[in-house]
Amino acid sequence: MRLFITGYMASGKTTFGKALANKLEIPFIDLDSFVEELTGKSIPEIFAESGEQTFREIERDALRKVVEENEDIVLACGGGTPCHFDNMEFLNNRGITIFIETSTPVLISRLQKESTNRPLMAGKSDEEIRKKVLTQLCERLPHYMEAKLKWHGDDLENEKEIEENVSSFVSSYPSLFR
């Protein structure tokens, strides 16, 4: 079983994905971490040295490598992964895509707190982050909406909420998780 978690930056993809993989007892991989492992560079370093286009090409190749090498996996994709090349079609053809839909105010709040860790938000003021989120969400939402399943990401703040959220998700799709 391949489960691909998609959604905007700070939507809770990694948090939800780790908990889901743990519950299902299958491996978890974060695509950004995998890219960093493959390249020996952090995502911000790749962006700074080579630009977003090169990063997206590396990301696409890493995505294909992870999928090719894993039959059972929960993969947390980067926020832009489904929006470039034919990545969303690729994911939908090779497993179950899950869009973690998180409200805009929650995304903005999370990103304002952790902007230094996000290349597309680094160095931006709170207002610039708000504008960037609103603009990118409009661009990316059509890609995210191609996911086979949707789930809410606002309540992924503490361990109890995460466990309840994942349990609720699994019980919502009994035919998938027997």
C-alpha atoms as a PDB file:
ATOM      1  CA  MET A   1       0.000   0.000   0.000  1.00  0.00           C
ATOM      2  CA  ARG A   2       1.361   3.375  -1.023  1.00  0.00           C
ATOM      3  CA  LEU A   3      -0.103   6.460   0.624  1.00  0.00           C
ATOM      4  CA  PHE A   4       1.003   9.886  -0.558  1.00  0.00           C
ATOM      5  CA  ILE A   5       0.330  12.847   1.726  1.00  0.00           C
ATOM      6  CA  THR A   6      -0.012  16.175  -0.091  1.00  0.00           C
ATOM      7  CA  GLY A   7      -0.865  19.696   0.987  1.00  0.00           C
ATOM      8  CA  TYR A   8       0.571  23.130   1.472  1.00  0.00           C
ATOM      9  CA  MET A   9       3.644  23.923   3.567  1.00  0.00           C
ATOM     10  CA  ALA A  10       2.970  23.518   7.288  1.00  0.00           C
ATOM     11  CA  SER A  11      -0.346  21.737   6.674  1.00  0.00           C
ATOM     12  CA  GLY A  12       0.731  18.792   8.825  1.00  0.00           C
ATOM     13  CA  LYS A  13       1.800  16.329   6.134  1.00  0.00           C
ATOM     14  CA  THR A  14       4.812  14.989   8.014  1.00  0.00           C
ATOM     15  CA  THR A  15       3.055  14.930  11.377  1.00  0.00           C
ATOM     16  CA  PHE A  16       0.012  13.149   9.956  1.00  0.00           C
ATOM     17  CA  GLY A  17       2.129  10.880   7.750  1.00  0.00           C
ATOM     18  CA  LYS A  18       4.354   9.666  10.586  1.00  0.00           C
ATOM     19  CA  ALA A  19       1.343   8.909  12.777  1.00  0.00           C
ATOM     20  CA  LEU A  20      -0.456   7.144   9.920  1.00  0.00           C
ATOM     21  CA  ALA A  21       2.599   5.033   9.064  1.00  0.00           C
ATOM     22  CA  ASN A  22       2.972   4.112  12.720  1.00  0.00           C
ATOM     23  CA  LYS A  23      -0.685   3.085  12.985  1.00  0.00           C
ATOM     24  CA  LEU A  24      -0.496   1.027   9.777  1.00  0.00           C
ATOM     25  CA  GLU A  25       2.948  -0.345  10.676  1.00  0.00           C
ATOM     26  CA  ILE A  26       4.514   0.581   7.351  1.00  0.00           C
ATOM     27  CA  PRO A  27       7.552   2.780   6.625  1.00  0.00           C
ATOM     28  CA  PHE A  28       7.343   6.552   6.532  1.00  0.00           C
ATOM     29  CA  ILE A  29       9.479   8.791   4.321  1.00  0.00           C
ATOM     30  CA  ASP A  30       9.474  12.565   4.123  1.00  0.00           C
ATOM     31  CA  LEU A  31      10.338  13.509   0.529  1.00  0.00           C
ATOM     32  CA  ASP A  32      12.206  16.679   1.534  1.00  0.00           C
ATOM     33  CA  SER A  33      14.395  14.664   3.941  1.00  0.00           C
ATOM     34  CA  PHE A  34      14.967  12.088   1.218  1.00  0.00           C
ATOM     35  CA  VAL A  35      16.088  14.828  -1.205  1.00  0.00           C
ATOM     36  CA  GLU A  36      18.474  16.162   1.431  1.00  0.00           C
ATOM     37  CA  GLU A  37      19.866  12.683   1.992  1.00  0.00           C
ATOM     38  CA  LEU A  38      20.338  12.093  -1.735  1.00  0.00           C
ATOM     39  CA  THR A  39      22.024  15.419  -2.418  1.00  0.00           C
ATOM     40  CA  GLY A  40      23.883  15.943   0.830  1.00  0.00           C
ATOM     41  CA  LYS A  41      22.415  19.458   0.931  1.00  0.00           C
ATOM     42  CA  SER A  42      19.536  21.064   2.788  1.00  0.00           C
ATOM     43  CA  ILE A  43      16.499  22.249   0.830  1.00  0.00           C
ATOM     44  CA  PRO A  44      17.414  25.905   1.548  1.00  0.00           C
ATOM     45  CA  GLU A  45      20.948  25.247   0.229  1.00  0.00           C
ATOM     46  CA  ILE A  46      19.606  23.714  -2.979  1.00  0.00           C
ATOM     47  CA  PHE A  47      17.276  26.689  -3.494  1.00  0.00           C
ATOM     48  CA  ALA A  48      20.063  29.196  -2.782  1.00  0.00           C
ATOM     49  CA  GLU A  49      22.699  27.486  -4.950  1.00  0.00           C
ATOM     50  CA  SER A  50      20.629  26.192  -7.853  1.00  0.00           C
ATOM     51  CA  GLY A  51      17.183  27.801  -7.741  1.00  0.00           C
ATOM     52  CA  GLU A  52      13.679  26.423  -7.550  1.00  0.00           C
ATOM     53  CA  GLN A  53      13.629  24.853 -11.033  1.00  0.00           C
ATOM     54  CA  THR A  54      16.655  22.659 -10.278  1.00  0.00           C
ATOM     55  CA  PHE A  55      15.168  21.755  -6.913  1.00  0.00           C
ATOM     56  CA  ARG A  56      11.905  20.707  -8.594  1.00  0.00           C
ATOM     57  CA  GLU A  57      13.820  18.464 -11.007  1.00  0.00           C
ATOM     58  CA  ILE A  58      15.735  16.841  -8.147  1.00  0.00           C
ATOM     59  CA  GLU A  59      12.470  16.469  -6.229  1.00  0.00           C
ATOM     60  CA  ARG A  60      10.756  14.799  -9.219  1.00  0.00           C
ATOM     61  CA  ASP A  61      13.607  12.303  -9.620  1.00  0.00           C
ATOM     62  CA  ALA A  62      13.656  11.580  -5.877  1.00  0.00           C
ATOM     63  CA  LEU A  63       9.895  11.035  -5.901  1.00  0.00           C
ATOM     64  CA  ARG A  64      10.183   8.444  -8.632  1.00  0.00           C
ATOM     65  CA  LYS A  65      13.070   6.729  -6.859  1.00  0.00           C
ATOM     66  CA  VAL A  66      11.161   6.476  -3.557  1.00  0.00           C
ATOM     67  CA  VAL A  67       8.052   5.103  -5.244  1.00  0.00           C
ATOM     68  CA  GLU A  68      10.028   2.652  -7.365  1.00  0.00           C
ATOM     69  CA  GLU A  69      11.822   1.287  -4.297  1.00  0.00           C
ATOM     70  CA  ASN A  70       8.827   0.987  -1.926  1.00  0.00           C
ATOM     71  CA  GLU A  71       5.663  -1.081  -2.207  1.00  0.00           C
ATOM     72  CA  ASP A  72       4.383  -0.204   1.269  1.00  0.00           C
ATOM     73  CA  ILE A  73       4.970   3.367   2.328  1.00  0.00           C
ATOM     74  CA  VAL A  74       3.511   6.559   3.657  1.00  0.00           C
ATOM     75  CA  LEU A  75       5.241   9.406   1.825  1.00  0.00           C
ATOM     76  CA  ALA A  76       4.905  13.039   2.894  1.00  0.00           C
ATOM     77  CA  CYS A  77       5.423  15.077  -0.264  1.00  0.00           C
ATOM     78  CA  GLY A  78       6.755  18.616  -0.331  1.00  0.00           C
ATOM     79  CA  GLY A  79       4.149  21.358  -0.596  1.00  0.00           C
ATOM     80  CA  GLY A  80       4.935  21.984  -4.255  1.00  0.00           C
ATOM     81  CA  THR A  81       5.520  18.374  -5.290  1.00  0.00           C
ATOM     82  CA  PRO A  82       2.065  17.738  -6.796  1.00  0.00           C
ATOM     83  CA  CYS A  83       2.159  21.048  -8.668  1.00  0.00           C
ATOM     84  CA  HIS A  84       5.126  20.430 -10.940  1.00  0.00           C
ATOM     85  CA  PHE A  85       5.688  18.235 -13.971  1.00  0.00           C
ATOM     86  CA  ASP A  86       3.229  15.311 -13.976  1.00  0.00           C
ATOM     87  CA  ASN A  87       3.836  14.505 -10.303  1.00  0.00           C
ATOM     88  CA  MET A  88       0.191  14.435  -9.200  1.00  0.00           C
ATOM     89  CA  GLU A  89      -0.788  12.132 -12.046  1.00  0.00           C
ATOM     90  CA  PHE A  90       2.221   9.947 -11.205  1.00  0.00           C
ATOM     91  CA  LEU A  91       1.158   9.759  -7.540  1.00  0.00           C
ATOM     92  CA  ASN A  92      -2.494   9.041  -8.345  1.00  0.00           C
ATOM     93  CA  ASN A  93      -1.450   6.212 -10.662  1.00  0.00           C
ATOM     94  CA  ARG A  94       0.788   4.561  -8.081  1.00  0.00           C
ATOM     95  CA  GLY A  95      -1.108   4.797  -4.824  1.00  0.00           C
ATOM     96  CA  ILE A  96      -3.623   6.665  -2.732  1.00  0.00           C
ATOM     97  CA  THR A  97      -3.168  10.424  -2.552  1.00  0.00           C
ATOM     98  CA  ILE A  98      -4.375  12.268   0.540  1.00  0.00           C
ATOM     99  CA  PHE A  99      -4.714  16.046   0.597  1.00  0.00           C
ATOM    100  CA  ILE A 100      -4.268  17.493   4.077  1.00  0.00           C
ATOM    101  CA  GLU A 101      -6.518  20.515   3.839  1.00  0.00           C
ATOM    102  CA  THR A 102      -5.598  23.087   6.455  1.00  0.00           C
ATOM    103  CA  SER A 103      -7.308  26.442   6.887  1.00  0.00           C
ATOM    104  CA  THR A 104      -5.500  29.504   5.601  1.00  0.00           C
ATOM    105  CA  PRO A 105      -5.269  31.239   9.023  1.00  0.00           C
ATOM    106  CA  VAL A 106      -3.672  28.113  10.542  1.00  0.00           C
ATOM    107  CA  LEU A 107      -1.186  27.833   7.666  1.00  0.00           C
ATOM    108  CA  ILE A 108      -0.236  31.502   7.952  1.00  0.00           C
ATOM    109  CA  SER A 109       0.218  31.247  11.716  1.00  0.00           C
ATOM    110  CA  ARG A 110       2.378  28.130  11.461  1.00  0.00           C
ATOM    111  CA  LEU A 111       4.514  29.601   8.692  1.00  0.00           C
ATOM    112  CA  GLN A 112       5.040  32.881  10.513  1.00  0.00           C
ATOM    113  CA  LYS A 113       6.406  30.883  13.455  1.00  0.00           C
ATOM    114  CA  GLU A 114       8.769  28.766  11.356  1.00  0.00           C
ATOM    115  CA  SER A 115       9.559  30.873   8.279  1.00  0.00           C
ATOM    116  CA  THR A 116      13.329  30.530   8.643  1.00  0.00           C
ATOM    117  CA  ASN A 117      13.031  26.797   7.894  1.00  0.00           C
ATOM    118  CA  ARG A 118      11.058  27.355   4.685  1.00  0.00           C
ATOM    119  CA  PRO A 119      13.013  28.577   1.625  1.00  0.00           C
ATOM    120  CA  LEU A 120       9.961  30.144   0.013  1.00  0.00           C
ATOM    121  CA  MET A 121       9.149  32.079   3.211  1.00  0.00           C
ATOM    122  CA  ALA A 122      12.621  32.905   4.557  1.00  0.00           C
ATOM    123  CA  GLY A 123      13.238  36.589   5.170  1.00  0.00           C
ATOM    124  CA  LYS A 124       9.625  37.584   4.599  1.00  0.00           C
ATOM    125  CA  SER A 125       7.577  39.744   6.950  1.00  0.00           C
ATOM    126  CA  ASP A 126       4.331  38.424   8.411  1.00  0.00           C
ATOM    127  CA  GLU A 127       2.371  40.366   5.777  1.00  0.00           C
ATOM    128  CA  GLU A 128       4.554  39.030   2.949  1.00  0.00           C
ATOM    129  CA  ILE A 129       4.038  35.492   4.256  1.00  0.00           C
ATOM    130  CA  ARG A 130       0.280  36.047   4.337  1.00  0.00           C
ATOM    131  CA  LYS A 131       0.291  37.302   0.735  1.00  0.00           C
ATOM    132  CA  LYS A 132       2.561  34.467  -0.447  1.00  0.00           C
ATOM    133  CA  VAL A 133       0.324  31.833   1.182  1.00  0.00           C
ATOM    134  CA  LEU A 134      -2.827  33.307  -0.357  1.00  0.00           C
ATOM    135  CA  THR A 135      -1.237  33.530  -3.811  1.00  0.00           C
ATOM    136  CA  GLN A 136       0.307  30.057  -3.753  1.00  0.00           C
ATOM    137  CA  LEU A 137      -2.813  28.409  -2.368  1.00  0.00           C
ATOM    138  CA  CYS A 138      -4.801  29.780  -5.311  1.00  0.00           C
ATOM    139  CA  GLU A 139      -2.206  28.337  -7.700  1.00  0.00           C
ATOM    140  CA  ARG A 140      -1.758  25.003  -5.938  1.00  0.00           C
ATOM    141  CA  LEU A 141      -5.269  24.155  -4.792  1.00  0.00           C
ATOM    142  CA  PRO A 142      -6.367  22.706  -8.160  1.00  0.00           C
ATOM    143  CA  HIS A 143      -3.459  20.242  -7.972  1.00  0.00           C
ATOM    144  CA  TYR A 144      -4.167  19.329  -4.342  1.00  0.00           C
ATOM    145  CA  MET A 145      -7.831  18.771  -5.147  1.00  0.00           C
ATOM    146  CA  GLU A 146      -6.830  15.979  -7.542  1.00  0.00           C
ATOM    147  CA  ALA A 147      -6.026  13.837  -4.504  1.00  0.00           C
ATOM    148  CA  LYS A 148      -8.207  10.779  -4.078  1.00  0.00           C
ATOM    149  CA  LEU A 149      -8.903  11.538  -0.403  1.00  0.00           C
ATOM    150  CA  LYS A 150      -9.097  14.755   1.594  1.00  0.00           C
ATOM    151  CA  TRP A 151      -8.502  15.226   5.316  1.00  0.00           C
ATOM    152  CA  HIS A 152      -8.383  18.211   7.660  1.00  0.00           C
ATOM    153  CA  GLY A 153      -5.102  19.415   9.116  1.00  0.00           C
ATOM    154  CA  ASP A 154      -6.071  22.125  11.585  1.00  0.00           C
ATOM    155  CA  ASP A 155      -6.107  19.709  14.530  1.00  0.00           C
ATOM    156  CA  LEU A 156      -2.580  18.367  14.286  1.00  0.00           C
ATOM    157  CA  GLU A 157      -1.073  20.381  17.101  1.00  0.00           C
ATOM    158  CA  ASN A 158      -0.527  17.868  19.901  1.00  0.00           C
ATOM    159  CA  GLU A 159      -0.042  14.138  20.286  1.00  0.00           C
ATOM    160  CA  LYS A 160      -3.605  13.411  21.458  1.00  0.00           C
ATOM    161  CA  GLU A 161      -5.161  15.364  18.565  1.00  0.00           C
ATOM    162  CA  ILE A 162      -2.854  13.654  16.097  1.00  0.00           C
ATOM    163  CA  GLU A 163      -3.700  10.153  17.351  1.00  0.00           C
ATOM    164  CA  GLU A 164      -7.437  10.917  17.311  1.00  0.00           C
ATOM    165  CA  ASN A 165      -7.164  12.446  13.851  1.00  0.00           C
ATOM    166  CA  VAL A 166      -5.328   9.455  12.390  1.00  0.00           C
ATOM    167  CA  SER A 167      -7.660   6.947  14.065  1.00  0.00           C
ATOM    168  CA  SER A 168     -10.642   8.840  12.708  1.00  0.00           C
ATOM    169  CA  PHE A 169      -9.087   8.922   9.244  1.00  0.00           C
ATOM    170  CA  VAL A 170      -8.416   5.168   9.204  1.00  0.00           C
ATOM    171  CA  SER A 171     -11.915   4.360  10.471  1.00  0.00           C
ATOM    172  CA  SER A 172     -13.408   6.654   7.804  1.00  0.00           C
ATOM    173  CA  TYR A 173     -12.020   4.395   5.071  1.00  0.00           C
ATOM    174  CA  PRO A 174     -12.569   0.825   6.294  1.00  0.00           C
ATOM    175  CA  SER A 175     -12.225  -0.698   2.813  1.00  0.00           C
ATOM    176  CA  LEU A 176      -8.691   0.692   2.531  1.00  0.00           C
ATOM    177  CA  PHE A 177      -7.384  -0.180   5.969  1.00  0.00           C
ATOM    178  CA  ARG A 178      -8.430  -3.704   6.862  1.00  0.00           C
END
